[in-house]
Amino acid sequence: PVLRELLKELHGNHIIQKVIDEVNVEKEFLVEHFQSNFMDIINHKHACCTFQKIYKASDRETRDKFLGLIKKNLDSIIYTEFGNFSLHFLFAFEKYEVKMNLLYELLPTLDKICLQRYSSGIIEQILESDFRDGQQLIIQRIASSESPLAKASSLTFR
């Protein structure tokens, strides 16, 4: 209960971040807490920042577990004010294969993602980055005749 309170409070959150960054202790208790309270943490305005810290400090196996939770809950994360911060972080931080894997998860609902307030920022970030293959996939999807965005853009206005 104390850890949960610290994560959600501005100053307490910074204490947990310092534990992650500075203190030389086993952090498994934090990883377990993050995994068992994942949606609560990733969608909270302070706790989502701490998620990014623990993710960065984790080994590949732990990161993959977090990525599994993100993929499982993608629709509940991408459209929320704070949940999408973690996706922005992953597209900036992660290696190519992880970014491609995440983007393939997003492509089926790209049209909806592009039209929503918080999620559209993730697509903008990819288009402004040096993630060329990701940009190409997005452009191909938008230009596709199956895309409602392409159909809407083909209308003529008089």
Protein backbone atom coordinates (compact mmCIF):
# COMPACT_ATOMS: atom_id res chain seq x y z
CA PRO A 1 0.00 0.00 0.00
CA VAL A 2 2.83 2.46 0.76
CA LEU A 3 4.47 1.84 -2.62
CA ARG A 4 1.17 2.45 -4.43
CA GLU A 5 0.70 5.75 -2.57
CA LEU A 6 4.27 6.86 -3.29
CA LEU A 7 3.91 6.13 -7.01
CA LYS A 8 0.81 8.28 -7.32
CA GLU A 9 2.06 11.24 -5.34
CA LEU A 10 4.33 13.83 -6.98
CA HIS A 11 7.07 13.85 -4.34
CA GLY A 12 6.76 10.18 -3.41
CA ASN A 13 7.08 9.30 -7.07
CA HIS A 14 10.45 11.04 -7.19
CA ILE A 15 11.61 8.97 -4.22
CA ILE A 16 10.79 5.75 -6.12
CA GLN A 17 12.60 7.11 -9.19
CA LYS A 18 15.70 7.76 -7.05
CA VAL A 19 15.53 4.20 -5.72
CA ILE A 20 15.49 2.96 -9.32
CA ASP A 21 18.28 5.25 -10.50
CA GLU A 22 20.59 5.58 -7.52
CA VAL A 23 20.17 2.92 -4.89
CA ASN A 24 22.09 -0.30 -5.37
CA VAL A 25 19.39 -2.74 -4.22
CA GLU A 26 17.50 -5.56 -5.85
CA LYS A 27 14.53 -3.97 -7.62
CA GLU A 28 12.48 -7.11 -8.16
CA PHE A 29 9.89 -5.92 -5.61
CA LEU A 30 9.31 -2.86 -7.83
CA VAL A 31 9.08 -4.92 -11.02
CA GLU A 32 6.55 -7.26 -9.39
CA HIS A 33 4.49 -4.31 -8.15
CA PHE A 34 4.53 -2.70 -11.60
CA GLN A 35 3.50 -5.93 -13.29
CA SER A 36 0.64 -6.68 -10.89
CA ASN A 37 -0.67 -3.08 -10.93
CA PHE A 38 0.23 -2.33 -14.52
CA MET A 39 -2.87 -0.55 -15.82
CA ASP A 40 -3.24 1.50 -12.67
CA ILE A 41 0.39 2.64 -12.92
CA ILE A 42 0.69 3.23 -16.66
CA ASN A 43 -2.45 5.40 -16.77
CA HIS A 44 -1.50 7.59 -13.81
CA LYS A 45 0.08 11.02 -14.36
CA HIS A 46 2.99 10.47 -11.96
CA ALA A 47 3.34 6.70 -11.96
CA CYS A 48 3.69 6.46 -15.76
CA CYS A 49 7.00 8.35 -15.49
CA THR A 50 8.26 5.87 -12.94
CA PHE A 51 7.25 3.02 -15.25
CA GLN A 52 9.62 4.46 -17.84
CA LYS A 53 12.45 4.49 -15.29
CA ILE A 54 11.91 0.90 -14.21
CA TYR A 55 11.61 -0.18 -17.85
CA LYS A 56 14.94 1.45 -18.72
CA ALA A 57 16.62 -0.10 -15.68
CA SER A 58 15.28 -3.60 -16.46
CA ASP A 59 16.90 -6.43 -18.38
CA ARG A 60 15.53 -7.62 -21.73
CA GLU A 61 13.47 -10.43 -20.19
CA THR A 62 11.67 -8.02 -17.85
CA ARG A 63 11.18 -5.50 -20.65
CA ASP A 64 9.60 -8.22 -22.76
CA LYS A 65 7.16 -8.98 -19.94
CA PHE A 66 6.23 -5.29 -19.80
CA LEU A 67 5.85 -5.22 -23.59
CA GLY A 68 3.48 -8.18 -23.33
CA LEU A 69 1.35 -6.23 -20.87
CA ILE A 70 1.39 -3.20 -23.15
CA LYS A 71 0.30 -5.25 -26.18
CA LYS A 72 -2.41 -6.98 -24.16
CA ASN A 73 -3.80 -3.63 -22.99
CA LEU A 74 -2.92 -1.47 -25.99
CA ASP A 75 -6.47 -0.22 -26.60
CA SER A 76 -6.73 0.83 -22.96
CA ILE A 77 -3.37 2.62 -23.04
CA ILE A 78 -3.05 4.41 -26.35
CA TYR A 79 -6.14 6.61 -26.03
CA THR A 80 -5.51 7.79 -22.47
CA GLU A 81 -3.85 11.01 -21.48
CA PHE A 82 -1.02 9.41 -19.53
CA GLY A 83 -0.92 5.87 -20.91
CA ASN A 84 0.23 7.07 -24.29
CA PHE A 85 3.30 8.72 -22.71
CA SER A 86 4.74 5.26 -22.24
CA LEU A 87 4.22 4.47 -25.92
CA HIS A 88 5.97 7.72 -26.86
CA PHE A 89 8.81 6.66 -24.61
CA LEU A 90 9.05 3.19 -26.19
CA PHE A 91 9.14 4.57 -29.73
CA ALA A 92 11.95 6.92 -28.70
CA PHE A 93 13.90 4.48 -26.52
CA GLU A 94 13.55 0.98 -27.94
CA LYS A 95 15.47 -0.80 -30.65
CA TYR A 96 14.17 -1.20 -34.18
CA GLU A 97 12.60 -4.67 -33.78
CA VAL A 98 10.53 -3.63 -30.77
CA LYS A 99 9.33 -0.47 -32.50
CA MET A 100 8.32 -2.43 -35.60
CA ASN A 101 6.51 -4.99 -33.48
CA LEU A 102 4.58 -2.25 -31.66
CA LEU A 103 3.76 -0.48 -34.90
CA TYR A 104 2.36 -3.70 -36.40
CA GLU A 105 0.09 -3.89 -33.36
CA LEU A 106 -1.13 -0.35 -34.09
CA LEU A 107 -1.63 -0.64 -37.87
CA PRO A 108 -5.05 -2.36 -37.84
CA THR A 109 -6.55 0.62 -35.99
CA LEU A 110 -4.30 3.33 -37.44
CA ASP A 111 -7.23 5.32 -38.83
CA LYS A 112 -8.83 5.60 -35.41
CA ILE A 113 -5.47 6.31 -33.76
CA CYS A 114 -4.80 9.19 -36.18
CA LEU A 115 -8.12 10.82 -35.31
CA GLN A 116 -7.84 10.77 -31.53
CA ARG A 117 -6.31 13.49 -29.37
CA TYR A 118 -3.71 11.52 -27.42
CA SER A 119 -2.98 8.62 -29.73
CA SER A 120 -2.38 10.77 -32.82
CA GLY A 121 0.71 12.20 -31.13
CA ILE A 122 2.37 8.80 -31.30
CA ILE A 123 1.93 8.69 -35.07
CA GLU A 124 3.23 12.26 -35.36
CA GLN A 125 6.28 11.27 -33.31
CA ILE A 126 7.05 8.38 -35.67
CA LEU A 127 6.61 10.60 -38.74
CA GLU A 128 8.99 13.20 -37.26
CA SER A 129 11.62 10.64 -36.24
CA ASP A 130 14.32 8.78 -38.14
CA PHE A 131 12.26 5.56 -37.97
CA ARG A 132 11.98 5.33 -41.79
CA ASP A 133 10.41 1.88 -42.04
CA GLY A 134 7.76 2.93 -39.54
CA GLN A 135 7.04 6.07 -41.53
CA GLN A 136 6.71 4.02 -44.71
CA LEU A 137 4.22 1.62 -43.11
CA ILE A 138 2.11 4.51 -41.84
CA ILE A 139 2.10 6.26 -45.20
CA GLN A 140 1.21 3.03 -47.02
CA ARG A 141 -1.70 2.47 -44.63
CA ILE A 142 -2.97 6.02 -44.97
CA ALA A 143 -2.70 5.87 -48.77
CA SER A 144 -4.38 2.46 -48.94
CA SER A 145 -7.77 2.37 -50.65
CA GLU A 146 -9.05 0.48 -47.59
CA SER A 147 -8.24 3.39 -45.30
CA PRO A 148 -11.11 5.71 -44.37
CA LEU A 149 -8.50 8.47 -44.21
CA ALA A 150 -7.59 7.92 -47.87
CA LYS A 151 -11.26 7.90 -48.86
CA ALA A 152 -11.88 11.13 -46.99
CA SER A 153 -8.87 12.81 -48.58
CA SER A 154 -10.02 11.87 -52.09
CA LEU A 155 -13.16 13.98 -51.75
CA THR A 156 -13.20 17.13 -53.79
CA PHE A 157 -14.19 20.34 -52.10
CA ARG A 158 -15.80 23.15 -54.06
